Amino acid sequence: MPDHSYTSAKSLNLEEIKSQSAETVREVLEKSHLKKGEIFVVGCSSSEVQGDAIGTHTNVDVARAIYQGIQEVLAPAGIRLAAQCCEHLNRALIVERETMEQFRLEQVNVIPQPNHAGGAFATVAYQEMTDPVAVESLNAQASAGIDIGATLIGMHIHPVVVPLRIQTRQIGNAIVICARRRPKYVGGARAIYDPSLM
């Protein structure tokens, strides 16, 4: 069994990681026009941020820097964070109990762990949130999100999911992919659409 508690010897500036995370979320919020109370989903591989393959070198310090940067932007805006667990927990999510109740989500019984199942980011979210719970799914109710290191978050975002091109392309060594929802187009060739919803 590999030792997933490894801390990478690669030089990482945690303040820079935190800053990159905050800037990424800031850009997504600007482009996605989220409103207070909506859900923002984050999938994060701390291994990829360090330049390693996903799931190989979990690092709680890296995850905490990312979490702090993200919440620095989301919390003042009143946007709800959903932290995706790893595939070993079927990409369950950590949310505040209030979010679970507001969105009528199904609670599951699991506590994420960095070295077993869940991942560092979900573990940090579980430690830092006021009243954290694990939920099986968001039932595709997130309005936007970021995928740090190819963790696959699209299933959690309300259809139609559209990619967002932002200036920040990486957090540490991990590629960042951002997405938001938009209402479906209906009506065909003669329909007129509201550009603010596109």
N, C-alpha and C. Protein backbone atom coordinates (compact mmCIF):
# COMPACT_ATOMS: atom_id res chain seq x y z
N MET A 1 0.85 -1.19 0.00
CA MET A 1 0.00 0.00 0.00
C MET A 1 0.89 1.24 0.00
N PRO A 2 0.68 2.20 -0.95
CA PRO A 2 1.52 3.39 -0.99
C PRO A 2 1.27 4.31 0.19
N ASP A 3 2.27 5.07 0.54
CA ASP A 3 2.15 6.04 1.63
C ASP A 3 1.62 7.35 1.08
N HIS A 4 0.31 7.62 1.30
CA HIS A 4 -0.31 8.82 0.76
C HIS A 4 -0.16 10.03 1.67
N SER A 5 0.58 9.90 2.76
CA SER A 5 0.78 11.03 3.66
C SER A 5 2.00 11.85 3.27
N TYR A 6 2.65 11.45 2.22
CA TYR A 6 3.86 12.09 1.71
C TYR A 6 3.66 13.59 1.51
N THR A 7 4.62 14.38 1.94
CA THR A 7 4.63 15.81 1.67
C THR A 7 5.69 16.06 0.61
N SER A 8 5.28 16.61 -0.51
CA SER A 8 6.20 16.77 -1.63
C SER A 8 7.38 17.65 -1.26
N ALA A 9 8.55 17.24 -1.72
CA ALA A 9 9.75 18.03 -1.49
C ALA A 9 9.83 19.20 -2.46
N LYS A 10 8.96 19.17 -3.48
CA LYS A 10 8.97 20.26 -4.44
C LYS A 10 8.62 21.56 -3.72
N SER A 11 9.28 22.61 -4.08
CA SER A 11 9.07 23.89 -3.41
C SER A 11 7.73 24.49 -3.82
N LEU A 12 6.81 24.59 -2.85
CA LEU A 12 5.51 25.19 -3.09
C LEU A 12 5.32 26.35 -2.12
N ASN A 13 4.91 27.48 -2.65
CA ASN A 13 4.62 28.64 -1.83
C ASN A 13 3.13 28.60 -1.49
N LEU A 14 2.79 28.28 -0.26
CA LEU A 14 1.39 28.11 0.12
C LEU A 14 0.60 29.42 0.02
N GLU A 15 1.27 30.53 0.28
CA GLU A 15 0.58 31.83 0.13
C GLU A 15 0.23 32.09 -1.33
N GLU A 16 1.12 31.68 -2.22
CA GLU A 16 0.84 31.84 -3.66
C GLU A 16 -0.30 30.91 -4.09
N ILE A 17 -0.32 29.69 -3.57
CA ILE A 17 -1.40 28.75 -3.85
C ILE A 17 -2.73 29.34 -3.38
N LYS A 18 -2.73 29.89 -2.17
CA LYS A 18 -3.94 30.52 -1.63
C LYS A 18 -4.39 31.67 -2.50
N SER A 19 -3.45 32.50 -2.93
CA SER A 19 -3.76 33.65 -3.78
C SER A 19 -4.30 33.23 -5.14
N GLN A 20 -3.69 32.21 -5.74
CA GLN A 20 -4.17 31.70 -7.04
C GLN A 20 -5.59 31.15 -6.91
N SER A 21 -5.85 30.48 -5.81
CA SER A 21 -7.18 29.91 -5.57
C SER A 21 -8.23 31.01 -5.45
N ALA A 22 -7.92 32.04 -4.67
CA ALA A 22 -8.84 33.17 -4.50
C ALA A 22 -9.10 33.86 -5.83
N GLU A 23 -8.05 34.09 -6.60
CA GLU A 23 -8.19 34.77 -7.89
C GLU A 23 -9.02 33.95 -8.87
N THR A 24 -8.83 32.64 -8.86
CA THR A 24 -9.61 31.77 -9.74
C THR A 24 -11.10 31.89 -9.42
N VAL A 25 -11.45 31.80 -8.15
CA VAL A 25 -12.85 31.89 -7.74
C VAL A 25 -13.41 33.28 -8.07
N ARG A 26 -12.61 34.30 -7.82
CA ARG A 26 -13.04 35.67 -8.12
C ARG A 26 -13.41 35.81 -9.61
N GLU A 27 -12.56 35.27 -10.48
CA GLU A 27 -12.83 35.34 -11.92
C GLU A 27 -14.09 34.57 -12.30
N VAL A 28 -14.27 33.40 -11.70
CA VAL A 28 -15.46 32.60 -12.01
C VAL A 28 -16.72 33.33 -11.56
N LEU A 29 -16.69 33.91 -10.38
CA LEU A 29 -17.86 34.65 -9.90
C LEU A 29 -18.19 35.83 -10.80
N GLU A 30 -17.17 36.52 -11.27
CA GLU A 30 -17.40 37.66 -12.17
C GLU A 30 -18.07 37.23 -13.46
N LYS A 31 -17.69 36.07 -13.98
CA LYS A 31 -18.21 35.61 -15.27
C LYS A 31 -19.50 34.81 -15.16
N SER A 32 -19.78 34.26 -13.98
CA SER A 32 -20.95 33.39 -13.87
C SER A 32 -22.15 34.07 -13.20
N HIS A 33 -21.94 35.24 -12.61
CA HIS A 33 -23.03 36.04 -12.03
C HIS A 33 -23.84 35.26 -10.99
N LEU A 34 -23.15 34.53 -10.11
CA LEU A 34 -23.84 33.78 -9.07
C LEU A 34 -24.51 34.73 -8.08
N LYS A 35 -25.60 34.26 -7.52
CA LYS A 35 -26.32 35.03 -6.52
C LYS A 35 -26.10 34.41 -5.14
N LYS A 36 -26.30 35.21 -4.13
CA LYS A 36 -26.17 34.75 -2.75
C LYS A 36 -27.03 33.50 -2.54
N GLY A 37 -26.43 32.50 -1.89
CA GLY A 37 -27.16 31.27 -1.59
C GLY A 37 -26.98 30.15 -2.59
N GLU A 38 -26.39 30.44 -3.75
CA GLU A 38 -26.18 29.40 -4.74
C GLU A 38 -24.96 28.54 -4.37
N ILE A 39 -24.87 27.37 -4.99
CA ILE A 39 -23.80 26.42 -4.67
C ILE A 39 -22.65 26.52 -5.67
N PHE A 40 -21.44 26.52 -5.13
CA PHE A 40 -20.20 26.55 -5.90
C PHE A 40 -19.46 25.26 -5.56
N VAL A 41 -19.25 24.38 -6.53
CA VAL A 41 -18.62 23.09 -6.26
C VAL A 41 -17.14 23.14 -6.62
N VAL A 42 -16.32 22.50 -5.78
CA VAL A 42 -14.88 22.46 -6.02
C VAL A 42 -14.40 21.01 -5.91
N GLY A 43 -13.72 20.58 -6.95
CA GLY A 43 -12.99 19.32 -6.91
C GLY A 43 -11.51 19.66 -6.92
N CYS A 44 -10.73 19.00 -6.08
CA CYS A 44 -9.33 19.40 -5.96
C CYS A 44 -8.43 18.21 -5.67
N SER A 45 -7.37 18.09 -6.47
CA SER A 45 -6.32 17.11 -6.20
C SER A 45 -5.09 17.84 -5.69
N SER A 46 -4.79 17.69 -4.41
CA SER A 46 -3.59 18.32 -3.86
C SER A 46 -2.34 17.70 -4.49
N SER A 47 -2.42 16.44 -4.90
CA SER A 47 -1.29 15.80 -5.58
C SER A 47 -0.96 16.51 -6.88
N GLU A 48 -1.99 16.78 -7.68
CA GLU A 48 -1.79 17.47 -8.96
C GLU A 48 -1.23 18.87 -8.75
N VAL A 49 -1.69 19.55 -7.71
CA VAL A 49 -1.17 20.90 -7.42
C VAL A 49 0.33 20.84 -7.19
N GLN A 50 0.80 19.74 -6.59
CA GLN A 50 2.23 19.57 -6.33
C GLN A 50 3.00 19.08 -7.56
N GLY A 51 2.28 18.72 -8.63
CA GLY A 51 2.94 18.23 -9.82
C GLY A 51 3.01 16.72 -9.89
N ASP A 52 2.25 16.04 -9.02
CA ASP A 52 2.23 14.58 -8.99
C ASP A 52 0.91 14.08 -9.55
N ALA A 53 0.84 12.78 -9.84
CA ALA A 53 -0.40 12.19 -10.37
C ALA A 53 -1.49 12.21 -9.31
N ILE A 54 -2.71 12.41 -9.75
CA ILE A 54 -3.86 12.47 -8.86
C ILE A 54 -3.89 11.24 -7.94
N GLY A 55 -4.12 11.49 -6.64
CA GLY A 55 -4.26 10.42 -5.68
C GLY A 55 -2.96 9.79 -5.18
N THR A 56 -1.82 10.38 -5.53
CA THR A 56 -0.55 9.73 -5.16
C THR A 56 0.18 10.40 -4.00
N HIS A 57 0.03 11.71 -3.83
CA HIS A 57 0.78 12.42 -2.78
C HIS A 57 -0.10 13.49 -2.12
N THR A 58 -1.10 13.03 -1.40
CA THR A 58 -2.04 13.92 -0.72
C THR A 58 -1.31 14.86 0.24
N ASN A 59 -1.72 16.12 0.26
CA ASN A 59 -1.06 17.10 1.11
C ASN A 59 -2.10 18.02 1.73
N VAL A 60 -2.33 17.88 3.03
CA VAL A 60 -3.35 18.65 3.73
C VAL A 60 -2.99 20.13 3.77
N ASP A 61 -1.72 20.48 3.88
CA ASP A 61 -1.31 21.89 3.91
C ASP A 61 -1.66 22.59 2.61
N VAL A 62 -1.42 21.92 1.50
CA VAL A 62 -1.78 22.47 0.19
C VAL A 62 -3.30 22.63 0.10
N ALA A 63 -4.03 21.61 0.51
CA ALA A 63 -5.50 21.66 0.47
C ALA A 63 -6.04 22.79 1.33
N ARG A 64 -5.43 22.99 2.51
CA ARG A 64 -5.90 24.06 3.41
C ARG A 64 -5.66 25.44 2.80
N ALA A 65 -4.53 25.63 2.14
CA ALA A 65 -4.26 26.91 1.47
C ALA A 65 -5.29 27.18 0.39
N ILE A 66 -5.65 26.14 -0.37
CA ILE A 66 -6.65 26.28 -1.43
C ILE A 66 -8.01 26.59 -0.81
N TYR A 67 -8.39 25.85 0.21
CA TYR A 67 -9.67 26.07 0.88
C TYR A 67 -9.77 27.50 1.40
N GLN A 68 -8.72 27.97 2.06
CA GLN A 68 -8.73 29.33 2.61
C GLN A 68 -8.87 30.38 1.52
N GLY A 69 -8.15 30.19 0.42
CA GLY A 69 -8.26 31.13 -0.70
C GLY A 69 -9.66 31.16 -1.29
N ILE A 70 -10.26 30.00 -1.44
CA ILE A 70 -11.61 29.90 -2.00
C ILE A 70 -12.63 30.56 -1.08
N GLN A 71 -12.57 30.23 0.21
CA GLN A 71 -13.54 30.77 1.15
C GLN A 71 -13.37 32.27 1.38
N GLU A 72 -12.17 32.75 1.16
CA GLU A 72 -11.90 34.19 1.26
C GLU A 72 -12.79 34.97 0.29
N VAL A 73 -13.17 34.33 -0.81
CA VAL A 73 -14.01 34.97 -1.83
C VAL A 73 -15.47 34.55 -1.68
N LEU A 74 -15.72 33.26 -1.48
CA LEU A 74 -17.10 32.77 -1.44
C LEU A 74 -17.86 33.25 -0.21
N ALA A 75 -17.24 33.18 0.96
CA ALA A 75 -17.95 33.50 2.20
C ALA A 75 -18.53 34.91 2.21
N PRO A 76 -17.75 35.95 1.88
CA PRO A 76 -18.32 37.30 1.89
C PRO A 76 -19.46 37.49 0.87
N ALA A 77 -19.43 36.69 -0.20
CA ALA A 77 -20.47 36.79 -1.23
C ALA A 77 -21.71 35.97 -0.88
N GLY A 78 -21.64 35.18 0.20
CA GLY A 78 -22.77 34.36 0.59
C GLY A 78 -22.99 33.17 -0.33
N ILE A 79 -21.94 32.73 -1.01
CA ILE A 79 -22.02 31.58 -1.91
C ILE A 79 -21.66 30.32 -1.12
N ARG A 80 -22.42 29.26 -1.32
CA ARG A 80 -22.25 28.01 -0.57
C ARG A 80 -21.21 27.11 -1.24
N LEU A 81 -20.22 26.66 -0.49
CA LEU A 81 -19.20 25.75 -1.00
C LEU A 81 -19.64 24.30 -0.86
N ALA A 82 -19.42 23.52 -1.92
CA ALA A 82 -19.55 22.07 -1.87
C ALA A 82 -18.19 21.50 -2.24
N ALA A 83 -17.57 20.76 -1.34
CA ALA A 83 -16.24 20.19 -1.56
C ALA A 83 -16.38 18.73 -1.97
N GLN A 84 -15.95 18.44 -3.20
CA GLN A 84 -16.09 17.08 -3.71
C GLN A 84 -15.05 16.14 -3.11
N CYS A 85 -15.51 14.97 -2.69
CA CYS A 85 -14.60 13.91 -2.23
C CYS A 85 -14.04 13.17 -3.44
N CYS A 86 -13.08 12.31 -3.20
CA CYS A 86 -12.45 11.56 -4.29
C CYS A 86 -13.35 10.44 -4.79
N GLU A 87 -12.93 9.79 -5.85
CA GLU A 87 -13.74 8.75 -6.48
C GLU A 87 -13.98 7.55 -5.57
N HIS A 88 -13.12 7.33 -4.56
CA HIS A 88 -13.32 6.21 -3.65
C HIS A 88 -14.58 6.39 -2.80
N LEU A 89 -15.03 7.62 -2.69
CA LEU A 89 -16.31 7.91 -2.01
C LEU A 89 -17.38 8.28 -3.03
N ASN A 90 -17.17 7.84 -4.27
CA ASN A 90 -18.11 8.09 -5.36
C ASN A 90 -18.40 9.57 -5.57
N ARG A 91 -17.39 10.38 -5.31
CA ARG A 91 -17.50 11.84 -5.47
C ARG A 91 -18.66 12.43 -4.65
N ALA A 92 -18.85 11.88 -3.46
CA ALA A 92 -19.77 12.50 -2.50
C ALA A 92 -19.22 13.89 -2.19
N LEU A 93 -19.99 14.70 -1.48
CA LEU A 93 -19.58 16.09 -1.25
C LEU A 93 -19.76 16.46 0.22
N ILE A 94 -18.91 17.39 0.65
CA ILE A 94 -19.01 17.95 1.99
C ILE A 94 -19.64 19.35 1.87
N VAL A 95 -20.73 19.55 2.59
CA VAL A 95 -21.43 20.84 2.58
C VAL A 95 -21.82 21.18 4.02
N GLU A 96 -22.24 22.40 4.21
CA GLU A 96 -22.80 22.78 5.50
C GLU A 96 -24.19 22.13 5.64
N ARG A 97 -24.56 21.76 6.85
CA ARG A 97 -25.88 21.16 7.09
C ARG A 97 -27.00 22.05 6.53
N GLU A 98 -26.86 23.34 6.69
CA GLU A 98 -27.86 24.29 6.19
C GLU A 98 -28.04 24.13 4.68
N THR A 99 -26.93 23.92 3.95
CA THR A 99 -27.01 23.72 2.49
C THR A 99 -27.75 22.42 2.19
N MET A 100 -27.43 21.37 2.93
CA MET A 100 -28.11 20.09 2.74
C MET A 100 -29.62 20.25 2.91
N GLU A 101 -30.01 20.96 3.96
CA GLU A 101 -31.44 21.13 4.24
C GLU A 101 -32.11 22.03 3.20
N GLN A 102 -31.44 23.12 2.84
CA GLN A 102 -32.01 24.07 1.88
C GLN A 102 -32.24 23.43 0.52
N PHE A 103 -31.31 22.58 0.09
CA PHE A 103 -31.39 21.98 -1.24
C PHE A 103 -31.93 20.54 -1.21
N ARG A 104 -32.38 20.10 -0.05
CA ARG A 104 -32.98 18.78 0.12
C ARG A 104 -32.08 17.67 -0.40
N LEU A 105 -30.87 17.65 0.12
CA LEU A 105 -29.88 16.67 -0.29
C LEU A 105 -29.90 15.48 0.66
N GLU A 106 -29.41 14.34 0.17
CA GLU A 106 -29.40 13.10 0.94
C GLU A 106 -28.08 12.96 1.69
N GLN A 107 -28.15 12.95 3.01
CA GLN A 107 -26.94 12.78 3.82
C GLN A 107 -26.46 11.33 3.77
N VAL A 108 -25.14 11.16 3.74
CA VAL A 108 -24.53 9.84 3.84
C VAL A 108 -23.57 9.85 5.03
N ASN A 109 -23.24 8.66 5.51
CA ASN A 109 -22.40 8.55 6.69
C ASN A 109 -20.97 8.23 6.29
N VAL A 110 -20.15 9.25 6.19
CA VAL A 110 -18.73 9.06 5.92
C VAL A 110 -17.98 10.31 6.36
N ILE A 111 -16.80 10.12 6.88
CA ILE A 111 -15.91 11.22 7.24
C ILE A 111 -14.69 11.13 6.33
N PRO A 112 -14.48 12.11 5.46
CA PRO A 112 -13.35 12.02 4.52
C PRO A 112 -12.01 12.01 5.25
N GLN A 113 -11.08 11.28 4.69
CA GLN A 113 -9.73 11.17 5.25
C GLN A 113 -8.72 11.39 4.12
N PRO A 114 -7.63 12.07 4.38
CA PRO A 114 -6.67 12.33 3.31
C PRO A 114 -5.91 11.08 2.88
N ASN A 115 -5.69 10.15 3.77
CA ASN A 115 -4.83 9.01 3.47
C ASN A 115 -5.58 7.74 3.12
N HIS A 116 -6.91 7.78 3.15
CA HIS A 116 -7.69 6.58 2.87
C HIS A 116 -8.70 6.84 1.76
N ALA A 117 -9.76 7.55 2.07
CA ALA A 117 -10.78 7.86 1.07
C ALA A 117 -11.40 9.21 1.40
N GLY A 118 -11.48 10.03 0.41
CA GLY A 118 -12.06 11.37 0.58
C GLY A 118 -11.19 12.44 -0.01
N GLY A 119 -9.89 12.40 0.32
CA GLY A 119 -8.95 13.39 -0.20
C GLY A 119 -8.72 14.53 0.76
N ALA A 120 -7.63 15.24 0.55
CA ALA A 120 -7.21 16.31 1.45
C ALA A 120 -8.18 17.48 1.45
N PHE A 121 -8.68 17.87 0.27
CA PHE A 121 -9.54 19.05 0.21
C PHE A 121 -10.86 18.82 0.95
N ALA A 122 -11.49 17.67 0.72
CA ALA A 122 -12.74 17.35 1.42
C ALA A 122 -12.50 17.22 2.92
N THR A 123 -11.34 16.67 3.30
CA THR A 123 -10.99 16.55 4.71
C THR A 123 -10.89 17.92 5.37
N VAL A 124 -10.21 18.84 4.71
CA VAL A 124 -10.08 20.20 5.24
C VAL A 124 -11.45 20.87 5.33
N ALA A 125 -12.29 20.70 4.30
CA ALA A 125 -13.63 21.27 4.34
C ALA A 125 -14.41 20.74 5.54
N TYR A 126 -14.30 19.43 5.78
CA TYR A 126 -14.99 18.81 6.91
C TYR A 126 -14.49 19.38 8.24
N GLN A 127 -13.21 19.68 8.31
CA GLN A 127 -12.62 20.24 9.53
C GLN A 127 -12.98 21.71 9.72
N GLU A 128 -13.10 22.45 8.64
CA GLU A 128 -13.24 23.91 8.72
C GLU A 128 -14.68 24.41 8.71
N MET A 129 -15.60 23.65 8.12
CA MET A 129 -16.98 24.13 8.05
C MET A 129 -17.61 24.15 9.43
N THR A 130 -18.63 24.96 9.61
CA THR A 130 -19.29 25.13 10.90
C THR A 130 -20.03 23.87 11.33
N ASP A 131 -20.82 23.31 10.43
CA ASP A 131 -21.62 22.11 10.73
C ASP A 131 -21.62 21.22 9.49
N PRO A 132 -20.48 20.56 9.21
CA PRO A 132 -20.35 19.83 7.95
C PRO A 132 -21.10 18.51 7.93
N VAL A 133 -21.60 18.18 6.75
CA VAL A 133 -22.19 16.86 6.51
C VAL A 133 -21.73 16.38 5.15
N ALA A 134 -21.74 15.06 4.97
CA ALA A 134 -21.46 14.48 3.66
C ALA A 134 -22.79 14.19 2.99
N VAL A 135 -22.88 14.54 1.72
CA VAL A 135 -24.09 14.23 0.95
C VAL A 135 -23.69 13.40 -0.26
N GLU A 136 -24.62 12.56 -0.67
CA GLU A 136 -24.35 11.65 -1.78
C GLU A 136 -24.19 12.39 -3.10
N SER A 137 -24.97 13.44 -3.29
CA SER A 137 -25.00 14.16 -4.56
C SER A 137 -25.57 15.55 -4.34
N LEU A 138 -25.29 16.44 -5.26
CA LEU A 138 -25.94 17.76 -5.26
C LEU A 138 -27.19 17.75 -6.12
N ASN A 139 -27.48 16.60 -6.72
CA ASN A 139 -28.61 16.49 -7.65
C ASN A 139 -28.52 17.56 -8.75
N ALA A 140 -27.28 17.78 -9.22
CA ALA A 140 -27.01 18.74 -10.29
C ALA A 140 -27.60 20.12 -9.98
N GLN A 141 -27.36 20.61 -8.74
CA GLN A 141 -27.90 21.91 -8.34
C GLN A 141 -26.84 22.99 -8.14
N ALA A 142 -25.56 22.67 -8.37
CA ALA A 142 -24.53 23.71 -8.29
C ALA A 142 -24.70 24.66 -9.48
N SER A 143 -24.32 25.90 -9.27
CA SER A 143 -24.43 26.89 -10.34
C SER A 143 -23.12 27.14 -11.06
N ALA A 144 -22.00 26.80 -10.40
CA ALA A 144 -20.68 26.98 -11.02
C ALA A 144 -19.68 26.19 -10.19
N GLY A 145 -18.45 26.12 -10.70
CA GLY A 145 -17.42 25.44 -9.93
C GLY A 145 -16.08 25.44 -10.61
N ILE A 146 -15.10 24.93 -9.88
CA ILE A 146 -13.75 24.79 -10.42
C ILE A 146 -13.25 23.37 -10.17
N ASP A 147 -12.53 22.87 -11.15
CA ASP A 147 -11.93 21.55 -11.11
C ASP A 147 -10.43 21.75 -11.11
N ILE A 148 -9.80 21.43 -10.00
CA ILE A 148 -8.36 21.63 -9.84
C ILE A 148 -7.68 20.27 -9.96
N GLY A 149 -7.12 19.99 -11.14
CA GLY A 149 -6.38 18.75 -11.32
C GLY A 149 -7.18 17.57 -11.84
N ALA A 150 -8.16 17.83 -12.70
CA ALA A 150 -8.90 16.75 -13.40
C ALA A 150 -9.65 15.83 -12.45
N THR A 151 -10.49 16.41 -11.59
CA THR A 151 -11.27 15.63 -10.64
C THR A 151 -12.72 15.39 -11.09
N LEU A 152 -13.14 16.04 -12.17
CA LEU A 152 -14.45 15.82 -12.81
C LEU A 152 -15.63 16.27 -11.93
N ILE A 153 -16.02 17.53 -12.07
CA ILE A 153 -17.11 18.09 -11.26
C ILE A 153 -18.39 18.33 -12.05
N GLY A 154 -18.36 18.15 -13.35
CA GLY A 154 -19.50 18.52 -14.21
C GLY A 154 -20.82 17.92 -13.80
N MET A 155 -20.80 16.70 -13.24
CA MET A 155 -22.03 16.01 -12.84
C MET A 155 -22.79 16.76 -11.77
N HIS A 156 -22.12 17.67 -11.05
CA HIS A 156 -22.76 18.36 -9.93
C HIS A 156 -23.41 19.69 -10.33
N ILE A 157 -23.15 20.14 -11.55
CA ILE A 157 -23.63 21.45 -11.98
C ILE A 157 -24.94 21.31 -12.76
N HIS A 158 -25.85 22.22 -12.49
CA HIS A 158 -27.16 22.23 -13.13
C HIS A 158 -27.00 22.36 -14.65
N PRO A 159 -27.67 21.53 -15.43
CA PRO A 159 -27.59 21.68 -16.90
C PRO A 159 -28.22 23.01 -17.32
N VAL A 160 -27.67 23.67 -18.31
CA VAL A 160 -26.61 23.26 -19.22
C VAL A 160 -25.27 23.74 -18.66
N VAL A 161 -24.25 22.86 -18.62
CA VAL A 161 -22.93 23.23 -18.11
C VAL A 161 -22.11 23.78 -19.26
N VAL A 162 -21.54 24.97 -19.05
CA VAL A 162 -20.69 25.57 -20.08
C VAL A 162 -19.32 25.91 -19.48
N PRO A 163 -18.25 25.69 -20.26
CA PRO A 163 -16.91 26.01 -19.74
C PRO A 163 -16.69 27.51 -19.67
N LEU A 164 -15.85 27.92 -18.74
CA LEU A 164 -15.47 29.33 -18.60
C LEU A 164 -13.99 29.47 -18.88
N ARG A 165 -13.64 30.37 -19.73
CA ARG A 165 -12.22 30.66 -19.98
C ARG A 165 -11.84 31.84 -19.10
N ILE A 166 -10.87 31.61 -18.23
CA ILE A 166 -10.42 32.67 -17.34
C ILE A 166 -8.91 32.83 -17.48
N GLN A 167 -8.37 33.88 -16.90
CA GLN A 167 -6.94 34.16 -17.00
C GLN A 167 -6.10 33.12 -16.24
N THR A 168 -6.57 32.72 -15.07
CA THR A 168 -5.83 31.76 -14.26
C THR A 168 -5.99 30.38 -14.86
N ARG A 169 -4.90 29.78 -15.30
CA ARG A 169 -4.96 28.47 -15.95
C ARG A 169 -4.50 27.34 -15.03
N GLN A 170 -3.76 27.70 -13.96
CA GLN A 170 -3.23 26.69 -13.06
C GLN A 170 -3.25 27.18 -11.62
N ILE A 171 -3.37 26.23 -10.71
CA ILE A 171 -3.12 26.48 -9.30
C ILE A 171 -1.97 25.55 -8.95
N GLY A 172 -0.84 26.12 -8.60
CA GLY A 172 0.37 25.31 -8.47
C GLY A 172 0.67 24.69 -9.81
N ASN A 173 0.79 23.36 -9.85
CA ASN A 173 1.04 22.65 -11.10
C ASN A 173 -0.21 22.03 -11.70
N ALA A 174 -1.35 22.21 -11.06
CA ALA A 174 -2.59 21.59 -11.52
C ALA A 174 -3.32 22.48 -12.53
N ILE A 175 -3.79 21.85 -13.59
CA ILE A 175 -4.62 22.54 -14.57
C ILE A 175 -5.97 22.82 -13.93
N VAL A 176 -6.50 24.02 -14.19
CA VAL A 176 -7.79 24.43 -13.64
C VAL A 176 -8.80 24.53 -14.78
N ILE A 177 -9.93 23.87 -14.60
CA ILE A 177 -11.04 23.98 -15.55
C ILE A 177 -12.23 24.52 -14.78
N CYS A 178 -12.85 25.55 -15.31
CA CYS A 178 -13.97 26.20 -14.64
C CYS A 178 -15.24 26.07 -15.48
N ALA A 179 -16.37 26.06 -14.81
CA ALA A 179 -17.64 25.90 -15.50
C ALA A 179 -18.75 26.62 -14.76
N ARG A 180 -19.80 26.92 -15.48
CA ARG A 180 -21.00 27.52 -14.90
C ARG A 180 -22.21 26.92 -15.61
N ARG A 181 -23.36 27.17 -15.06
CA ARG A 181 -24.60 26.73 -15.70
C ARG A 181 -25.18 27.86 -16.52
N ARG A 182 -26.01 27.53 -17.45
CA ARG A 182 -26.86 28.51 -18.11
C ARG A 182 -28.21 27.87 -18.37
N PRO A 183 -29.28 28.66 -18.37
CA PRO A 183 -30.60 28.09 -18.68
C PRO A 183 -30.60 27.52 -20.10
N LYS A 184 -31.40 26.48 -20.31
CA LYS A 184 -31.52 25.88 -21.64
C LYS A 184 -32.18 26.85 -22.60
N TYR A 185 -31.73 26.81 -23.85
CA TYR A 185 -32.40 27.57 -24.90
C TYR A 185 -33.61 26.77 -25.37
N VAL A 186 -34.74 27.44 -25.53
CA VAL A 186 -35.92 26.77 -26.10
C VAL A 186 -36.53 27.66 -27.17
N GLY A 187 -37.26 27.08 -28.09
CA GLY A 187 -38.06 27.88 -29.02
C GLY A 187 -37.63 27.85 -30.46
N GLY A 188 -36.39 27.45 -30.76
CA GLY A 188 -36.00 27.33 -32.16
C GLY A 188 -35.61 28.64 -32.82
N ALA A 189 -35.66 28.66 -34.14
CA ALA A 189 -35.10 29.74 -34.95
C ALA A 189 -35.74 31.10 -34.70
N ARG A 190 -37.01 31.13 -34.35
CA ARG A 190 -37.68 32.43 -34.18
C ARG A 190 -37.59 32.98 -32.76
N ALA A 191 -37.00 32.23 -31.87
CA ALA A 191 -36.94 32.64 -30.46
C ALA A 191 -35.93 33.78 -30.25
N ILE A 192 -36.25 34.64 -29.32
CA ILE A 192 -35.36 35.72 -28.88
C ILE A 192 -34.88 35.35 -27.48
N TYR A 193 -33.57 35.52 -27.24
CA TYR A 193 -33.00 35.12 -25.96
C TYR A 193 -32.52 36.32 -25.17
N ASP A 194 -32.53 36.19 -23.85
CA ASP A 194 -32.04 37.22 -22.94
C ASP A 194 -30.53 37.09 -22.85
N PRO A 195 -29.77 38.07 -23.37
CA PRO A 195 -28.31 37.95 -23.37
C PRO A 195 -27.70 37.87 -21.97
N SER A 196 -28.39 38.37 -20.96
CA SER A 196 -27.82 38.32 -19.60
C SER A 196 -27.84 36.89 -19.03
N LEU A 197 -28.60 35.98 -19.67
CA LEU A 197 -28.67 34.60 -19.22
C LEU A 197 -27.81 33.66 -20.07
N MET A 198 -27.12 34.20 -21.05
CA MET A 198 -26.35 33.37 -21.98
C MET A 198 -24.94 33.11 -21.48
